[in-house]
Amino acid sequence: NNNLLVFINSLYLKCLHIKIDAGNVRKLKSKDGQIFEVEEKCLEISKLLKGLANDFPEPNDELPINEVEGKVLSKIIEYMKEYQTEKPKEIPKPLPNSDLKPILSKFDYDYIMPLSLEECIDLVNAANYLDIPELVNLACARLASEMINCSIEEAREKFGIKCDMTEE
């Protein structure tokens, strides 16, 4: 009986200290049911995914990403793969101007610039949900660069924002 308690206690402690293994592949299931296979090491960049990997410790467990569509999750996985071993370059705040090329790494620039504004907004929301602050900053920098030197009317038009203020 005492041996059983010792065994259960040691098993419990092991579960609390599950380490993410670089060789294991995990499955992420997007909101729309798409399944993506990703090395566990990539998950460390996201606090939410790292926590889910600990909550679902079996390699065959699908990690439910219920708030992110597959198209956006695919883009996020691309980012996580790039930065699984190194931190992304810091983005200055405020932005010095609207030209992001000199302040972003080549990967970040090539990653973010082809996206539409709508895709950037989706990326901000998903990266925020997944708790990937560096990706939130990158997508926000792209959105902010689109607003530099814009009038209020131009920014509203560019982002599809309706003026709901009444004249007084």
Protein backbone atom coordinates (compact mmCIF):
# COMPACT_ATOMS: atom_id res chain seq x y z
CA ASN A 1 0.00 0.00 0.00
CA ASN A 2 2.88 2.36 0.87
CA ASN A 3 4.66 1.37 -2.38
CA LEU A 4 1.54 2.26 -4.33
CA LEU A 5 1.47 5.72 -2.73
CA VAL A 6 5.14 6.27 -3.55
CA PHE A 7 4.51 5.18 -7.16
CA ILE A 8 1.46 7.46 -7.56
CA ASN A 9 3.34 10.37 -6.02
CA SER A 10 6.34 9.92 -8.35
CA LEU A 11 4.00 9.59 -11.35
CA TYR A 12 2.23 12.80 -10.32
CA LEU A 13 5.53 14.66 -9.99
CA LYS A 14 6.62 13.43 -13.43
CA CYS A 15 3.38 14.72 -14.92
CA LEU A 16 4.00 18.14 -13.40
CA HIS A 17 7.43 18.33 -15.00
CA ILE A 18 6.75 17.03 -18.50
CA LYS A 19 9.45 18.38 -20.75
CA ILE A 20 8.78 19.25 -24.34
CA ASP A 21 10.82 16.89 -26.51
CA ALA A 22 12.36 18.27 -29.71
CA GLY A 23 11.93 14.95 -31.50
CA ASN A 24 8.23 14.40 -30.84
CA VAL A 25 5.62 15.46 -33.35
CA ARG A 26 2.33 16.82 -32.04
CA LYS A 27 -0.99 17.30 -33.81
CA LEU A 28 -2.78 20.64 -33.71
CA LYS A 29 -6.48 20.69 -34.61
CA SER A 30 -7.77 24.03 -35.89
CA LYS A 31 -11.23 25.51 -35.42
CA ASP A 32 -12.29 24.21 -38.84
CA GLY A 33 -10.98 20.70 -38.13
CA GLN A 34 -7.70 20.81 -40.03
CA ILE A 35 -4.89 18.77 -38.49
CA PHE A 36 -1.29 20.03 -38.53
CA GLU A 37 1.73 18.03 -37.42
CA VAL A 38 4.37 20.11 -35.66
CA GLU A 39 7.54 19.25 -33.77
CA GLU A 40 7.03 19.77 -30.06
CA LYS A 41 10.01 22.12 -29.91
CA CYS A 42 8.06 24.61 -32.07
CA LEU A 43 5.29 24.80 -29.46
CA GLU A 44 7.54 26.47 -26.89
CA ILE A 45 7.11 29.89 -28.54
CA SER A 46 3.41 29.84 -27.59
CA LYS A 47 2.51 29.80 -23.91
CA LEU A 48 -0.93 28.38 -24.73
CA LEU A 49 0.41 25.57 -26.92
CA LYS A 50 3.12 24.71 -24.42
CA GLY A 51 0.42 24.42 -21.74
CA LEU A 52 -1.80 22.30 -23.99
CA ALA A 53 1.12 19.96 -24.71
CA ASN A 54 1.44 19.44 -20.94
CA ASP A 55 -2.35 18.99 -20.55
CA PHE A 56 -2.43 16.41 -23.37
CA PRO A 57 0.87 14.56 -22.81
CA GLU A 58 0.30 11.62 -25.17
CA PRO A 59 2.01 12.13 -28.55
CA ASN A 60 -1.15 11.02 -30.40
CA ASP A 61 -3.37 13.52 -28.57
CA GLU A 62 -4.70 16.29 -30.79
CA LEU A 63 -4.22 19.72 -29.25
CA PRO A 64 -7.47 21.63 -29.80
CA ILE A 65 -6.93 25.14 -31.17
CA ASN A 66 -10.62 26.05 -31.11
CA GLU A 67 -10.28 29.76 -31.83
CA VAL A 68 -7.98 29.68 -34.88
CA GLU A 69 -8.92 28.76 -38.46
CA GLY A 70 -6.60 26.39 -40.32
CA LYS A 71 -5.43 29.02 -42.83
CA VAL A 72 -4.22 31.28 -40.01
CA LEU A 73 -2.82 28.42 -37.93
CA SER A 74 -0.77 27.29 -40.92
CA LYS A 75 0.79 30.75 -41.13
CA ILE A 76 1.51 30.75 -37.39
CA ILE A 77 3.18 27.33 -37.62
CA GLU A 78 5.46 28.74 -40.32
CA TYR A 79 6.50 31.48 -37.87
CA MET A 80 6.97 29.03 -34.98
CA LYS A 81 9.19 26.78 -37.10
CA GLU A 82 11.42 29.73 -37.99
CA TYR A 83 11.85 30.81 -34.38
CA GLN A 84 12.02 27.48 -32.58
CA THR A 85 15.72 27.96 -31.75
CA GLU A 86 16.22 31.73 -31.72
CA LYS A 87 14.28 34.81 -30.68
CA PRO A 88 12.92 37.14 -33.36
CA LYS A 89 14.50 40.54 -33.89
CA GLU A 90 13.05 43.24 -31.63
CA ILE A 91 10.80 45.74 -33.41
CA PRO A 92 11.29 49.38 -32.35
CA LYS A 93 8.32 51.20 -30.83
CA PRO A 94 7.21 53.60 -32.09
CA LEU A 95 8.03 52.75 -35.68
CA PRO A 96 10.50 55.25 -37.17
CA ASN A 97 8.52 55.40 -40.43
CA SER A 98 6.30 53.28 -42.67
CA ASP A 99 9.20 51.35 -44.27
CA LEU A 100 9.53 48.07 -42.38
CA LYS A 101 12.31 46.59 -44.53
CA PRO A 102 15.24 48.14 -42.62
CA ILE A 103 13.89 47.20 -39.19
CA LEU A 104 12.67 43.63 -39.80
CA SER A 105 14.68 40.49 -40.41
CA LYS A 106 14.47 39.14 -43.95
CA PHE A 107 12.22 36.30 -42.78
CA ASP A 108 9.85 38.64 -40.91
CA TYR A 109 9.63 41.04 -43.85
CA ASP A 110 9.00 38.26 -46.38
CA TYR A 111 6.51 36.66 -43.97
CA ILE A 112 4.37 39.69 -43.12
CA MET A 113 4.41 41.95 -46.18
CA PRO A 114 2.49 39.70 -48.61
CA LEU A 115 -0.45 39.47 -46.19
CA SER A 116 -3.53 41.59 -46.71
CA LEU A 117 -4.64 43.90 -43.91
CA GLU A 118 -7.49 41.51 -43.11
CA GLU A 119 -5.04 38.60 -42.86
CA CYS A 120 -2.82 40.70 -40.55
CA ILE A 121 -5.79 41.42 -38.28
CA ASP A 122 -6.62 37.69 -38.18
CA LEU A 123 -2.96 37.00 -37.38
CA VAL A 124 -2.96 39.53 -34.51
CA ASN A 125 -6.08 37.94 -33.00
CA ALA A 126 -4.77 34.38 -33.35
CA ALA A 127 -1.26 35.20 -32.07
CA ASN A 128 -2.82 36.99 -29.11
CA TYR A 129 -5.02 33.96 -28.36
CA LEU A 130 -2.01 31.62 -28.64
CA ASP A 131 0.07 33.99 -26.50
CA ILE A 132 2.87 34.65 -29.00
CA PRO A 133 3.76 38.29 -28.19
CA GLU A 134 6.54 38.58 -30.79
CA LEU A 135 4.12 37.64 -33.58
CA VAL A 136 1.50 40.05 -32.23
CA ASN A 137 4.15 42.79 -32.35
CA LEU A 138 5.15 41.89 -35.92
CA ALA A 139 1.58 41.92 -37.24
CA CYS A 140 0.78 45.12 -35.32
CA ALA A 141 3.89 46.77 -36.78
CA ARG A 142 2.63 45.92 -40.26
CA LEU A 143 -0.80 47.38 -39.47
CA ALA A 144 0.74 50.48 -37.88
CA SER A 145 3.01 50.99 -40.90
CA GLU A 146 -0.11 51.16 -43.05
CA MET A 147 -1.46 54.03 -40.92
CA ILE A 148 1.66 56.20 -40.82
CA ASN A 149 1.11 59.38 -42.82
CA CYS A 150 -2.60 58.60 -43.31
CA SER A 151 -5.34 61.04 -42.47
CA ILE A 152 -8.18 59.80 -40.28
CA GLU A 153 -10.38 59.48 -43.36
CA GLU A 154 -7.71 57.51 -45.27
CA ALA A 155 -7.18 55.16 -42.32
CA ARG A 156 -10.95 54.60 -42.02
CA GLU A 157 -11.16 53.80 -45.71
CA LYS A 158 -8.11 51.52 -45.68
CA PHE A 159 -9.35 49.53 -42.69
CA GLY A 160 -13.07 49.69 -43.50
CA ILE A 161 -13.93 51.63 -40.36
CA LYS A 162 -17.23 53.49 -40.45
CA CYS A 163 -17.47 56.86 -38.73
CA ASP A 164 -20.10 56.51 -36.04
CA MET A 165 -19.64 59.95 -34.54
CA THR A 166 -22.54 62.36 -34.69
CA GLU A 167 -22.01 65.93 -35.80
CA GLU A 168 -22.23 68.51 -33.06
